[in-house]
Protein backbone atom coordinates (compact mmCIF):
# COMPACT_ATOMS: atom_id res chain seq x y z
CA MET A 1 169.78 69.34 154.06
CA GLU A 2 170.49 72.77 155.47
CA ILE A 3 169.90 74.26 151.93
CA LEU A 4 166.41 72.48 151.71
CA ILE A 5 165.53 74.03 155.17
CA ARG A 6 166.65 77.26 154.61
CA LYS A 7 164.88 77.47 151.06
CA PHE A 8 161.51 76.22 152.19
CA ILE A 9 161.08 77.22 155.90
CA LYS A 10 160.88 80.76 156.81
CA ASP A 11 162.36 81.73 160.25
CA TYR A 12 163.72 77.99 160.42
CA GLY A 13 165.65 78.90 163.57
CA GLU A 14 162.36 79.66 165.65
CA THR A 15 161.58 76.13 166.21
CA GLU A 16 159.46 76.69 169.39
CA ARG A 17 156.73 78.31 167.18
CA PRO A 18 153.87 75.95 166.22
CA ASP A 19 153.70 77.33 162.59
CA VAL A 20 157.44 76.78 162.11
CA ARG A 21 157.09 73.26 163.55
CA GLU A 22 154.23 72.59 161.16
CA ARG A 23 156.52 73.70 158.28
CA TYR A 24 159.25 71.53 159.31
CA GLY A 25 156.80 68.43 159.39
CA GLU A 26 155.51 69.41 156.05
CA LEU A 27 159.00 69.24 154.46
CA SER A 28 159.84 65.93 156.30
CA GLY A 29 156.86 64.48 155.03
CA ILE A 30 156.90 65.62 151.41
CA VAL A 31 160.55 64.51 151.13
CA ALA A 32 160.18 61.33 152.89
CA VAL A 33 157.11 60.38 150.64
CA SER A 34 158.85 61.27 147.37
CA ILE A 35 161.90 59.40 148.16
CA ASN A 36 160.12 56.23 149.47
CA LEU A 37 157.75 56.09 146.48
CA LEU A 38 160.67 56.24 144.23
CA LEU A 39 162.56 53.58 145.97
CA CYS A 40 159.49 51.38 146.21
CA ALA A 41 158.86 51.61 142.43
CA ALA A 42 162.54 50.67 141.68
CA LYS A 43 162.92 47.91 144.34
CA LEU A 44 159.48 46.40 143.08
CA CYS A 45 160.56 46.22 139.56
CA VAL A 46 163.74 44.70 140.45
CA GLY A 47 162.15 42.20 142.94
CA ILE A 48 159.50 40.96 140.27
CA LEU A 49 162.12 40.69 137.55
CA SER A 50 164.64 38.69 139.74
CA GLY A 51 161.81 36.86 141.80
CA ALA A 52 163.48 37.69 145.15
CA ILE A 53 161.11 37.98 147.95
CA SER A 54 163.54 39.79 150.11
CA VAL A 55 163.64 42.60 147.46
CA ILE A 56 160.00 42.60 147.11
CA ALA A 57 159.59 42.81 151.10
CA ASP A 58 162.23 45.66 150.93
CA ALA A 59 159.98 47.53 148.35
CA ILE A 60 156.83 46.94 150.48
CA HIS A 61 158.66 48.37 153.37
CA ASN A 62 159.44 51.53 151.68
CA LEU A 63 155.78 51.69 150.56
CA SER A 64 154.77 51.56 154.22
CA ASP A 65 157.46 54.39 155.07
CA ALA A 66 155.76 56.38 152.38
CA GLY A 67 152.16 55.78 153.98
CA SER A 68 153.58 56.48 157.32
CA SER A 69 155.16 59.68 156.19
CA ILE A 70 151.60 60.70 154.81
CA VAL A 71 150.27 60.12 158.19
CA THR A 72 153.14 62.12 159.94
CA LEU A 73 152.21 64.91 157.66
CA LEU A 74 148.54 64.77 158.36
CA GLY A 75 149.43 64.66 162.02
CA PHE A 76 151.46 67.84 161.81
CA LYS A 77 148.44 69.51 160.07
CA LEU A 78 145.99 68.64 162.63
CA ALA A 79 148.57 69.34 165.70
CA ALA A 80 149.07 72.79 164.55
CA LYS A 81 145.24 73.54 164.64
CA PRO A 82 144.63 76.24 167.29
CA ALA A 83 142.97 75.52 170.80
CA ASP A 84 139.14 75.49 170.79
CA PRO A 85 136.44 75.32 173.47
CA GLU A 86 136.67 71.52 173.30
CA HIS A 87 140.32 71.32 173.33
CA PRO A 88 141.52 74.31 175.33
CA PHE A 89 145.26 73.02 175.45
CA GLY A 90 145.31 72.47 171.71
CA HIS A 91 145.86 69.62 169.49
CA GLY A 92 149.38 68.86 169.88
CA ARG A 93 149.04 65.25 170.98
CA ILE A 94 147.75 64.39 167.59
CA GLU A 95 151.48 64.30 166.54
CA TYR A 96 152.04 61.32 169.02
CA ILE A 97 149.06 59.49 167.94
CA SER A 98 150.22 59.76 164.39
CA GLY A 99 153.53 58.39 165.38
CA LEU A 100 151.46 55.57 166.94
CA ILE A 101 149.62 54.73 163.96
CA ILE A 102 153.05 54.62 162.10
CA SER A 103 154.37 52.21 164.47
CA ALA A 104 151.34 49.88 164.10
CA ALA A 105 151.58 50.09 160.30
CA ILE A 106 155.49 49.06 160.55
CA LEU A 107 154.63 46.16 162.98
CA PHE A 108 151.95 44.93 160.56
CA VAL A 109 154.03 45.06 157.63
CA GLY A 110 156.93 43.28 159.63
CA ILE A 111 154.48 40.42 160.61
CA GLU A 112 153.33 40.00 157.11
CA LEU A 113 156.84 39.88 155.62
CA PHE A 114 158.08 37.35 158.25
CA ARG A 115 155.19 34.96 157.30
CA THR A 116 155.93 35.33 153.61
CA SER A 117 159.77 34.84 153.91
CA LEU A 118 158.98 31.69 155.97
CA ASP A 119 156.97 30.34 153.20
CA LYS A 120 159.88 31.17 150.74
CA ILE A 121 162.23 29.02 153.05
CA LEU A 122 159.78 26.16 152.83
CA HIS A 123 159.16 26.55 149.20
CA PRO A 124 162.30 28.22 147.56
CA GLU A 125 162.06 29.45 144.06
CA GLU A 126 164.75 30.03 141.43
CA LEU A 127 166.15 33.74 141.38
CA ALA A 128 167.31 35.78 138.34
CA VAL A 129 169.97 38.09 140.04
CA THR A 130 172.04 40.44 137.61
CA GLU A 131 174.50 43.10 138.46
CA GLY A 132 172.12 45.57 137.65
CA THR A 133 169.78 44.36 140.51
CA ILE A 134 172.65 44.61 143.08
CA LEU A 135 173.46 48.04 141.70
CA ILE A 136 170.07 49.44 142.03
CA LEU A 137 169.93 48.29 145.60
CA VAL A 138 173.32 49.75 146.48
CA LEU A 139 172.09 53.11 145.19
CA SER A 140 169.19 52.74 147.30
CA ILE A 141 171.05 52.77 150.33
CA PHE A 142 172.56 56.14 149.67
CA PHE A 143 169.16 57.49 149.56
CA GLN A 144 167.78 55.94 152.68
CA LEU A 145 170.94 57.05 154.44
CA TRP A 146 170.49 60.63 153.44
CA LEU A 147 166.83 60.55 154.25
CA GLY A 148 167.32 59.15 157.63
CA ARG A 149 170.00 61.78 158.46
CA PHE A 150 167.57 64.54 157.22
CA ASN A 151 164.70 63.46 159.32
CA GLN A 152 166.98 62.76 162.31
CA HIS A 153 168.16 66.52 161.98
CA ILE A 154 164.78 67.68 161.64
CA GLY A 155 163.31 65.50 164.54
CA ARG A 156 166.05 66.83 167.13
CA SER A 157 165.63 70.36 165.82
CA ILE A 158 162.00 70.41 166.72
CA GLY A 159 161.78 67.58 169.28
CA SER A 160 159.29 65.49 167.36
CA ALA A 161 159.21 61.83 168.32
CA ALA A 162 157.36 60.86 165.19
CA ILE A 163 160.02 62.30 162.96
CA GLU A 164 162.73 60.67 164.86
CA ALA A 165 160.87 57.53 164.69
CA ALA A 166 160.79 57.91 160.95
CA ALA A 167 164.34 58.57 160.87
CA ALA A 168 165.22 55.60 162.70
CA ASP A 169 163.26 53.61 160.54
CA SER A 170 165.16 54.96 157.32
CA LEU A 171 168.48 54.20 158.90
CA ASN A 172 167.24 50.78 159.79
CA ASP A 173 166.22 50.35 156.16
CA CYS A 174 169.86 50.63 155.14
CA VAL A 175 170.71 47.72 157.24
CA ALA A 176 167.78 45.68 155.93
CA THR A 177 168.83 46.49 152.15
CA ALA A 178 172.47 45.58 153.14
CA VAL A 179 171.07 42.20 154.24
CA VAL A 180 169.08 41.73 150.98
CA ILE A 181 172.12 42.80 148.83
CA LEU A 182 174.41 40.12 150.68
CA SER A 183 171.82 37.51 150.04
CA LEU A 184 171.62 38.37 146.30
CA ILE A 185 175.64 38.37 146.10
CA VAL A 186 175.69 34.96 147.69
CA HIS A 187 173.27 33.60 145.26
CA TYR A 188 174.92 35.30 142.38
CA VAL A 189 178.46 34.21 143.25
CA ALA A 190 178.01 30.76 144.86
CA GLY A 191 174.59 29.84 143.65
CA VAL A 192 173.04 29.42 147.20
CA ASN A 193 169.53 30.58 147.68
CA ILE A 194 169.18 32.30 151.08
CA ASP A 195 166.41 34.77 150.01
CA GLY A 196 163.88 33.54 152.61
CA ILE A 197 166.25 33.86 155.43
CA ALA A 198 167.23 37.28 154.17
CA GLY A 199 163.54 38.23 154.05
CA MET A 200 163.07 36.99 157.61
CA LEU A 201 166.03 39.22 158.73
CA VAL A 202 164.52 42.21 156.98
CA ALA A 203 161.21 41.52 158.78
CA GLY A 204 163.10 41.25 162.04
CA PHE A 205 164.62 44.68 161.56
CA ILE A 206 161.21 46.06 160.56
CA LEU A 207 159.63 44.50 163.77
CA HIS A 208 162.24 45.94 165.79
CA SER A 209 161.83 49.31 164.37
CA GLY A 210 158.07 49.27 164.81
CA TRP A 211 158.42 48.17 168.55
CA CYS A 212 160.79 51.08 169.42
CA ALA A 213 158.80 53.67 167.54
CA ALA A 214 155.56 52.50 169.43
CA ARG A 215 157.50 52.59 172.78
CA ASP A 216 158.62 56.11 172.05
CA THR A 217 155.41 57.56 171.03
CA LEU A 218 153.32 55.76 173.81
CA GLN A 219 155.31 57.34 176.82
CA PRO A 220 154.32 61.04 176.23
CA LEU A 221 150.71 59.80 175.69
CA LEU A 222 150.68 57.96 178.76
CA GLY A 223 152.30 60.76 180.83
CA GLN A 224 156.04 60.32 181.31
CA ALA A 225 158.10 62.20 183.74
CA PRO A 226 159.73 65.42 182.23
CA LYS A 227 163.44 65.24 181.35
CA PRO A 228 165.91 65.81 184.35
CA GLU A 229 167.86 68.37 182.27
CA PHE A 230 164.51 70.35 181.73
CA VAL A 231 163.41 70.19 185.52
CA LYS A 232 167.18 71.33 186.59
CA GLU A 233 166.93 74.30 184.25
CA LEU A 234 163.59 75.25 185.70
CA GLU A 235 164.69 75.00 189.15
CA GLU A 236 167.80 76.95 188.50
CA ALA A 237 165.91 79.70 186.69
CA VAL A 238 163.28 80.00 189.69
CA LEU A 239 166.29 79.96 192.29
CA SER A 240 168.01 82.75 190.45
CA GLU A 241 165.70 85.17 191.91
CA ASP A 242 167.18 86.29 195.32
CA LYS A 243 164.06 86.29 197.45
CA ILE A 244 163.12 82.68 196.56
CA CYS A 245 164.03 80.19 199.20
CA GLY A 246 163.13 76.82 197.52
CA VAL A 247 160.99 75.13 194.99
CA HIS A 248 158.72 72.13 195.29
CA ASP A 249 155.51 70.48 193.79
CA LEU A 250 156.87 70.90 190.40
CA ILE A 251 154.50 69.48 187.91
CA VAL A 252 154.92 69.29 184.11
CA HIS A 253 151.94 68.60 181.62
CA ASP A 254 152.83 67.65 178.21
CA TYR A 255 149.98 68.56 175.68
CA GLY A 256 152.31 67.82 172.60
CA PRO A 257 155.53 69.51 171.33
CA GLY A 258 155.70 73.06 172.02
CA ARG A 259 152.44 72.86 174.26
CA VAL A 260 154.10 72.37 177.91
CA PHE A 261 152.22 73.55 180.96
CA VAL A 262 153.91 73.79 184.35
CA SER A 263 152.90 74.54 187.76
CA LEU A 264 155.26 74.93 191.00
CA HIS A 265 155.42 76.23 194.47
CA ALA A 266 158.07 78.95 195.18
CA GLU A 267 158.99 79.44 198.68
CA ILE A 268 159.46 83.12 200.05
CA PRO A 269 160.25 84.56 203.36
CA SER A 270 157.15 84.97 205.58
CA THR A 271 158.28 88.51 206.13
CA MET A 272 157.93 89.71 202.57
CA ASN A 273 155.40 92.07 201.86
CA ILE A 274 152.38 90.30 200.03
CA MET A 275 152.16 92.79 197.24
CA LYS A 276 155.85 92.41 196.57
CA ALA A 277 155.59 88.80 196.68
CA HIS A 278 152.75 88.65 194.08
CA GLU A 279 154.77 90.86 191.81
CA LEU A 280 157.64 88.50 192.17
CA MET A 281 155.47 85.63 191.23
CA ASP A 282 154.08 87.43 188.12
CA LYS A 283 157.66 88.23 187.11
CA LEU A 284 158.78 84.56 187.39
CA GLU A 285 155.97 83.30 185.25
CA VAL A 286 156.78 85.81 182.53
CA MET A 287 160.55 85.03 182.66
CA LEU A 288 159.78 81.26 182.64
CA HIS A 289 157.41 81.69 179.73
CA VAL A 290 159.77 83.74 177.61
CA LYS A 291 162.88 81.58 178.45
CA PHE A 292 161.34 77.98 177.94
CA HIS A 293 158.18 78.91 175.93
CA ILE A 294 155.82 77.23 178.33
CA GLU A 295 152.73 78.20 180.33
CA VAL A 296 153.57 78.63 183.95
CA THR A 297 151.57 79.04 187.17
CA VAL A 298 153.64 79.77 190.16
CA HIS A 299 152.16 79.52 193.70
CA MET A 300 153.87 81.25 196.57
CA ASP A 301 154.49 79.51 199.78
CA PRO A 302 155.56 81.67 202.74
CA VAL A 303 158.25 80.06 204.90
CA VAL A 304 159.81 81.29 208.39
CA VAL A 305 163.46 81.64 207.78
CA ASP A 306 164.43 84.13 210.80
CA ASP A 307 163.16 82.08 213.82
CA PRO A 308 166.11 80.02 215.44
CA GLU A 309 163.67 77.59 217.09
CA ILE A 310 161.70 76.90 213.81
CA ASN A 311 165.08 76.66 211.90
CA HIS A 312 166.16 74.15 214.62
CA LEU A 313 162.98 71.97 214.38
CA ARG A 314 163.11 72.13 210.71
CA GLU A 315 166.74 70.54 210.78
CA LEU A 316 165.37 67.85 213.13
CA VAL A 317 162.42 66.94 211.10
CA GLN A 318 164.51 66.74 207.90
CA GLU A 319 166.82 64.24 209.67
CA ALA A 320 163.79 62.21 210.75
CA VAL A 321 162.47 62.29 207.22
CA LYS A 322 165.79 61.17 205.67
CA GLY A 323 166.36 58.58 208.57
CA THR A 324 163.12 56.98 207.60
CA GLU A 325 163.93 56.58 203.80
CA ALA A 326 166.71 58.32 201.90
CA SER A 327 164.51 59.07 198.97
CA LEU A 328 161.96 61.04 201.06
CA SER A 329 162.17 64.90 201.26
CA MET A 330 160.25 67.49 203.06
CA HIS A 331 158.87 70.98 202.47
CA ASP A 332 156.30 73.53 203.79
CA PHE A 333 157.41 73.15 207.35
CA ARG A 334 155.60 75.35 209.91
CA MET A 335 154.98 75.11 213.76
CA THR A 336 152.09 75.91 216.01
CA THR A 337 151.79 75.84 219.73
CA THR A 338 149.12 73.42 221.36
CA TYR A 339 146.77 74.21 224.14
CA HIS A 340 149.05 72.50 226.58
CA GLY A 341 152.22 74.20 225.36
CA GLY A 342 153.34 71.36 223.04
CA ARG A 343 154.49 71.81 219.33
CA ASN A 344 152.64 70.81 216.25
CA LEU A 345 155.18 70.17 213.64
CA ILE A 346 153.31 70.49 210.29
CA PHE A 347 154.96 69.54 206.92
CA ASP A 348 154.71 67.81 203.60
CA VAL A 349 156.63 64.76 202.80
CA VAL A 350 157.24 63.96 199.21
CA VAL A 351 157.30 60.19 198.62
CA PRO A 352 158.67 59.06 195.13
CA PHE A 353 157.05 56.15 193.23
CA THR A 354 160.14 54.05 193.89
CA CYS A 355 159.80 54.26 197.52
CA GLY A 356 158.99 50.79 199.07
CA LEU A 357 157.07 51.98 202.10
CA HIS A 358 153.35 52.67 202.19
CA ASP A 359 152.12 56.15 202.97
CA ASP A 360 150.74 55.07 206.39
CA GLU A 361 154.12 53.34 207.17
CA VAL A 362 156.03 56.44 206.27
CA ARG A 363 153.83 58.70 208.58
CA ARG A 364 154.12 56.15 211.43
CA GLN A 365 157.93 55.77 211.26
CA ILE A 366 158.52 59.63 210.84
CA ARG A 367 156.13 60.27 213.98
CA GLN A 368 157.99 57.74 215.77
CA ARG A 369 161.36 59.37 215.22
CA ILE A 370 160.09 62.89 216.13
CA ALA A 371 158.33 61.55 219.31
CA GLY A 372 161.54 59.97 220.14
CA ILE A 373 163.37 63.70 220.20
CA SER A 374 160.64 64.92 222.63
CA GLU A 375 157.07 63.96 223.66
CA ASP A 376 156.04 67.50 223.14
CA TYR A 377 156.38 67.18 219.54
CA HIS A 378 153.42 66.06 217.36
CA ALA A 379 154.00 65.47 213.61
CA VAL A 380 151.28 66.51 211.30
CA ILE A 381 152.03 65.07 207.96
CA ARG A 382 150.76 65.26 204.48
CA ILE A 383 151.97 62.95 201.79
CA ASP A 384 152.84 64.43 198.27
CA ARG A 385 153.84 62.66 195.30
CA LEU A 386 156.97 63.33 193.07
CA TYR A 387 156.08 64.27 189.61
CA SER A 388 159.41 65.37 188.40
CA THR A 389 162.63 63.41 188.17
CA ASP A 390 164.65 65.08 190.80
CA ASP A 391 164.26 63.18 194.23
CA ASP A 392 165.04 66.53 196.12
CA LEU A 393 164.15 69.81 194.58
CA PRO A 394 166.70 72.54 195.61
CA VAL A 395 166.21 74.61 198.77
CA ARG A 396 168.56 77.67 199.58
């Protein structure tokens, strides 16, 4: 498979580039269509000659795979279109939509084959199985296995859910064809007709494959959380700069493979020169863009780090927040003095979606804990949501 990739894809190692991704998608689609049409033709001939519904079902499955590959090919073509005024973030999500169409087609085929196989169980027909029938199906497994590994390699190389779904489907085909072969061997050796049962098992594999593919392509369309590994790498890259005190409000927008937009808040000492701070934010944006191939917007948040009273109060507030609910975290802490000499403790609390407390209850409990420390302390709390997968973004 590496020979094919190196021969037909220029700059095959630069998988983050949209044009390289498009060529990977084209190669995957062309190879998959060719192999599936070949297998469909061979199995259809064998199925018609033998009268085995399970073999015909397997052939139709290959035909649906060929159609799915054409949809994937078109999806990659459309997804590679540049951004325009109507779609300023590009057309990358078309790739996810094409994967969803593939899933729907697979589910439809599975339902139809299940119905036909049930009819064969209720009204069995005589089969004409030969050694040649079984040999052709055995050879088809090797083709499907190679195609599955080929698409799996490409899907993982470019991070394509659509191609990985096609790979999983090809590997499932191997199991489905093996079931068909087993049913034909049973009929050939023992004369027992379990063709309809085998057809239903194949239909079950097809339905499972379609459901899994639909689930995997729906997640990014609905707006799934970024991978924890990606979030951690981003945080570590930001915190590698000496002047950065912490990171929060990290939001990742996925507009399709290779089209990721990130915004985050980077905490810096409040004593830092404003021009130097701005230069640092620009440097961070460029560094993250080059390293992760993403578009980044970094907002700077000045924090007081050299005032003993503020540092002490920050620790007390952190304890109050964690004491309310372990999954909560706090950032953007600052303090102002009231007219009567009290202290306004102003901060944001990050509430993950898994937290069982309502926002108002979170505020009430934290204020109650802080007031218990001193009646001079008044908590001013703003609720934030956690859009990444780390409960606590790191702070130096």
